Amino acid sequence: MTERKPSDISFETWVDRQVRMARERGDFDDLPGTGKPLPGAGKQVEDDWWLKDYMKREGLTAETLLPTPLRLRKQIERLPETVRELRSEREVRELVVDLNAEIVEWLRAPSGPFILRVGRVDVEEVVARWRASRPKPPPAPPAEPARSWWRWPRRDRKP
């Protein structure tokens, strides 16, 4: 379809002719989805259907479309629930350090239609809350005295 449209033919007629010739050549045979109904046919079209379809196809959430400061604030708000699922203090610290790195990166070069204040998160405070929310381990049973590998012979026994 690299030929140019002749000037004496209307655009619609020329396109119709190109489609008819391609159909006659069989260019449309064996295309994926041939003979299947169009997805969403007969349903009311939603606003931004293409955006919702793209996000679903790519596995994205609506939060990825938020401006950076709003996304960071949401992460800070959800931080207590997020760290509650972690098993070790090291994991909690790493998560908060990574979040703080994102915040500092945005603070160094803020962009977007508006600028919101986003402050760094105190790592020690998050770790202290995480520790407080953890169930206390049961007390360990008292340890038995260590036994020596050498045992003196008992005196009350006769040889």
Protein backbone atom coordinates (compact mmCIF):
# COMPACT_ATOMS: atom_id res chain seq x y z
CA MET A 1 0.00 0.00 0.00
CA THR A 2 2.84 2.31 -0.82
CA GLU A 3 1.23 3.71 -3.94
CA ARG A 4 0.00 7.27 -3.87
CA LYS A 5 -3.64 8.20 -4.14
CA PRO A 6 -4.52 9.53 -7.58
CA SER A 7 -5.80 13.08 -7.51
CA ASP A 8 -9.00 12.33 -9.47
CA ILE A 9 -10.31 9.76 -6.90
CA SER A 10 -11.77 10.68 -3.54
CA PHE A 11 -9.88 9.44 -0.50
CA GLU A 12 -12.73 7.23 0.67
CA THR A 13 -13.07 5.53 -2.71
CA TRP A 14 -9.33 4.94 -2.94
CA VAL A 15 -9.20 3.36 0.56
CA ASP A 16 -12.20 1.17 -0.19
CA ARG A 17 -10.52 -0.04 -3.37
CA GLN A 18 -7.28 -0.84 -1.48
CA VAL A 19 -9.20 -2.85 1.14
CA ARG A 20 -11.18 -4.73 -1.53
CA MET A 21 -8.02 -5.65 -3.44
CA ALA A 22 -6.30 -6.84 -0.24
CA ARG A 23 -9.35 -8.96 0.61
CA GLU A 24 -9.32 -10.48 -2.88
CA ARG A 25 -5.59 -11.29 -2.57
CA GLY A 26 -6.30 -13.01 0.76
CA ASP A 27 -4.20 -10.65 2.89
CA PHE A 28 -6.82 -10.78 5.66
CA ASP A 29 -7.12 -14.58 5.76
CA ASP A 30 -5.79 -16.43 8.83
CA LEU A 31 -5.42 -13.33 10.98
CA PRO A 32 -5.59 -13.91 14.75
CA GLY A 33 -9.14 -13.52 15.98
CA THR A 34 -10.74 -14.11 12.57
CA GLY A 35 -14.37 -15.11 12.99
CA LYS A 36 -14.44 -14.24 16.68
CA PRO A 37 -16.66 -11.45 18.02
CA LEU A 38 -15.04 -8.18 18.94
CA PRO A 39 -14.33 -7.93 22.69
CA GLY A 40 -16.89 -5.76 24.41
CA ALA A 41 -19.26 -5.74 21.42
CA GLY A 42 -22.76 -4.77 22.53
CA LYS A 43 -21.57 -3.26 25.82
CA GLN A 44 -21.61 0.41 26.68
CA VAL A 45 -18.21 2.01 26.14
CA GLU A 46 -16.58 3.37 29.31
CA ASP A 47 -14.54 6.53 29.50
CA ASP A 48 -10.83 5.79 29.26
CA TRP A 49 -11.50 2.14 28.34
CA TRP A 50 -8.20 2.02 26.51
CA LEU A 51 -6.30 3.18 29.60
CA LYS A 52 -8.00 0.63 31.84
CA ASP A 53 -7.32 -2.11 29.29
CA TYR A 54 -3.65 -1.10 29.01
CA MET A 55 -3.20 -1.06 32.78
CA LYS A 56 -4.83 -4.47 33.13
CA ARG A 57 -2.72 -5.90 30.30
CA GLU A 58 0.52 -4.52 31.77
CA GLY A 59 -0.33 -5.44 35.37
CA LEU A 60 -0.27 -1.83 36.59
CA THR A 61 -2.31 -0.26 39.36
CA ALA A 62 -3.94 3.16 39.45
CA GLU A 63 -1.30 4.21 41.97
CA THR A 64 1.41 4.08 39.30
CA LEU A 65 -0.32 6.97 37.54
CA LEU A 66 -0.20 9.25 40.59
CA PRO A 67 2.30 12.09 40.78
CA THR A 68 5.44 11.10 42.69
CA PRO A 69 4.74 13.00 45.93
CA LEU A 70 1.25 11.49 46.24
CA ARG A 71 2.59 8.01 45.55
CA LEU A 72 5.31 8.49 48.18
CA ARG A 73 2.79 9.76 50.74
CA LYS A 74 0.60 6.70 50.13
CA GLN A 75 3.62 4.44 50.68
CA ILE A 76 4.39 6.25 53.95
CA GLU A 77 0.76 5.87 55.10
CA ARG A 78 0.80 2.14 54.34
CA LEU A 79 4.21 1.60 55.93
CA PRO A 80 2.90 0.17 59.26
CA GLU A 81 0.88 -2.51 57.44
CA THR A 82 3.74 -3.22 55.07
CA VAL A 83 6.37 -3.75 57.78
CA ARG A 84 3.99 -5.84 59.89
CA GLU A 85 4.36 -8.64 57.32
CA LEU A 86 8.16 -8.61 57.44
CA ARG A 87 10.01 -11.21 59.50
CA SER A 88 13.25 -9.54 60.53
CA GLU A 89 14.46 -6.16 61.68
CA ARG A 90 16.96 -6.13 58.82
CA GLU A 91 14.12 -6.38 56.27
CA VAL A 92 12.26 -3.52 57.98
CA ARG A 93 15.35 -1.32 57.93
CA GLU A 94 16.04 -2.10 54.25
CA LEU A 95 12.47 -1.24 53.27
CA VAL A 96 12.54 2.11 55.09
CA VAL A 97 16.01 2.95 53.74
CA ASP A 98 14.81 2.25 50.18
CA LEU A 99 11.72 4.42 50.72
CA ASN A 100 13.88 7.23 52.11
CA ALA A 101 16.15 6.95 49.07
CA GLU A 102 13.12 7.46 46.79
CA ILE A 103 12.02 10.45 48.87
CA VAL A 104 15.47 12.05 48.76
CA GLU A 105 15.68 11.46 45.02
CA TRP A 106 12.39 13.27 44.51
CA LEU A 107 13.35 16.08 46.92
CA ARG A 108 16.53 16.73 44.96
CA ALA A 109 14.65 17.24 41.69
CA PRO A 110 10.92 17.79 42.31
CA SER A 111 8.75 17.79 39.25
CA GLY A 112 5.11 17.75 38.34
CA PRO A 113 2.16 20.10 38.32
CA PHE A 114 2.33 20.70 42.05
CA ILE A 115 4.82 20.16 44.80
CA LEU A 116 3.80 18.54 48.07
CA ARG A 117 6.01 18.33 51.09
CA VAL A 118 7.19 14.80 51.70
CA GLY A 119 9.55 14.16 54.58
CA ARG A 120 11.88 11.28 55.23
CA VAL A 121 10.78 8.47 57.51
CA ASP A 122 12.59 7.85 60.81
CA VAL A 123 14.03 4.33 60.55
CA GLU A 124 14.41 3.84 64.31
CA GLU A 125 10.81 4.87 64.97
CA VAL A 126 9.48 2.40 62.38
CA VAL A 127 11.67 -0.38 63.80
CA ALA A 128 10.50 0.41 67.35
CA ARG A 129 6.84 0.24 66.26
CA TRP A 130 7.54 -3.00 64.40
CA ARG A 131 9.13 -4.51 67.53
CA ALA A 132 6.18 -3.40 69.67
CA SER A 133 3.68 -4.99 67.29
CA ARG A 134 5.49 -8.35 67.28
CA PRO A 135 4.18 -11.04 69.62
CA LYS A 136 6.43 -11.66 72.58
CA PRO A 137 8.20 -15.02 72.38
CA PRO A 138 7.38 -17.45 75.19
CA PRO A 139 9.99 -17.57 77.92
CA ALA A 140 12.63 -20.21 77.39
CA PRO A 141 12.61 -23.16 79.79
CA PRO A 142 15.37 -23.08 82.36
CA ALA A 143 18.51 -24.65 81.05
CA GLU A 144 19.82 -27.84 82.60
CA PRO A 145 23.26 -27.63 84.10
CA ALA A 146 25.94 -28.63 81.68
CA ARG A 147 27.10 -32.19 82.08
CA SER A 148 30.69 -33.03 81.86
CA TRP A 149 31.85 -35.80 79.62
CA TRP A 150 33.80 -37.13 82.59
CA ARG A 151 31.79 -38.63 85.38
CA TRP A 152 33.31 -39.53 88.65
CA PRO A 153 32.43 -42.99 89.87
CA ARG A 154 29.77 -43.00 92.49
CA ARG A 155 31.09 -43.83 95.91
CA ASP A 156 28.03 -45.57 97.13
CA ARG A 157 28.45 -48.38 94.60
CA LYS A 158 30.64 -51.30 95.24
CA PRO A 159 32.96 -52.48 92.53
